[in-house]
Amino acid sequence: MTPRYHAPERAELKPCGRPEDLFALGCTFLEMGIRVVKADPNIHLRIPSTERRWSFQANLNQKELWLATFRSDNQLAKLGELMNLMLEYDRGARPPIGEVIEWLRTPHWSNEVDFFGPCCGGSKDTPAYGTFEREKLQEKEGDAVPSPMSHGGVLSPDNGHSTTEWADSPPESLGLDLDYDFLNDRGDIELDSFSGATWAVIRKPTVTSRQTQATKPEEIN
């Protein structure tokens, strides 16, 4: 995730989890929405697309201005309400993904146009919906993911095994596509992005960004 979409909790080096994903998704909805409603050009100036260090979380004092255009548009007023919740500073005030999906699946305007196409909406009987419900339960139980900027850790393969279980048969590729900024404790190491890595080990204070072959990671004490 690029710094542009970081949630406030990541900027403050606090634990991050699904609520940060909701914040980033809200930012994306906002970027798309201001173009759909042909917002005032001044809004575009306040949400620069090319300024590398600009971020939504650092400019949340402008949120009311960003969303003002949606409140005057009958078709997208409800979407503005949803984005307002997704862009809450407090991670606990953001809706879980299951509620967002349900909201997007339910039309809120006169022409009954849905956000989802007939092939993508899913239902409560689909496996995907069950995943959303499990994630919502995890959020209620406080199952947060530590921020890589504040905690050392290992990115393990998404195969249900811990790093100690796959030493004899490492995967050929993990297909990672990451874009994080990492700073060490002294603030003098910065890694803008790394893509297509087969294995990444993140430690504090240093970062090993890429290994060309999947190897067993060193143990982190």
Foldseek 3Di string as FASTA:
>chain_A
DAQQQAALCVVVQHFAAQLSVLSSVLVVCLVVVCVVLVHDVVLCVVSDPPDRNHHCNVVVVCLCVSLVSQCPDQQRVVVSVLSVQSNDNDSVSHDQVLVVLVVQQFHDHDVRDGPDDPVPSDDCPDVVSVVSVVVNVCVVVVVTHRRLQNAFDWDDAPPPDDLVPCQPPQDFARQDFWADWHAAPVRPDTDGGDGRARTWGRHHRDTDGHDPGDHRDDDDD
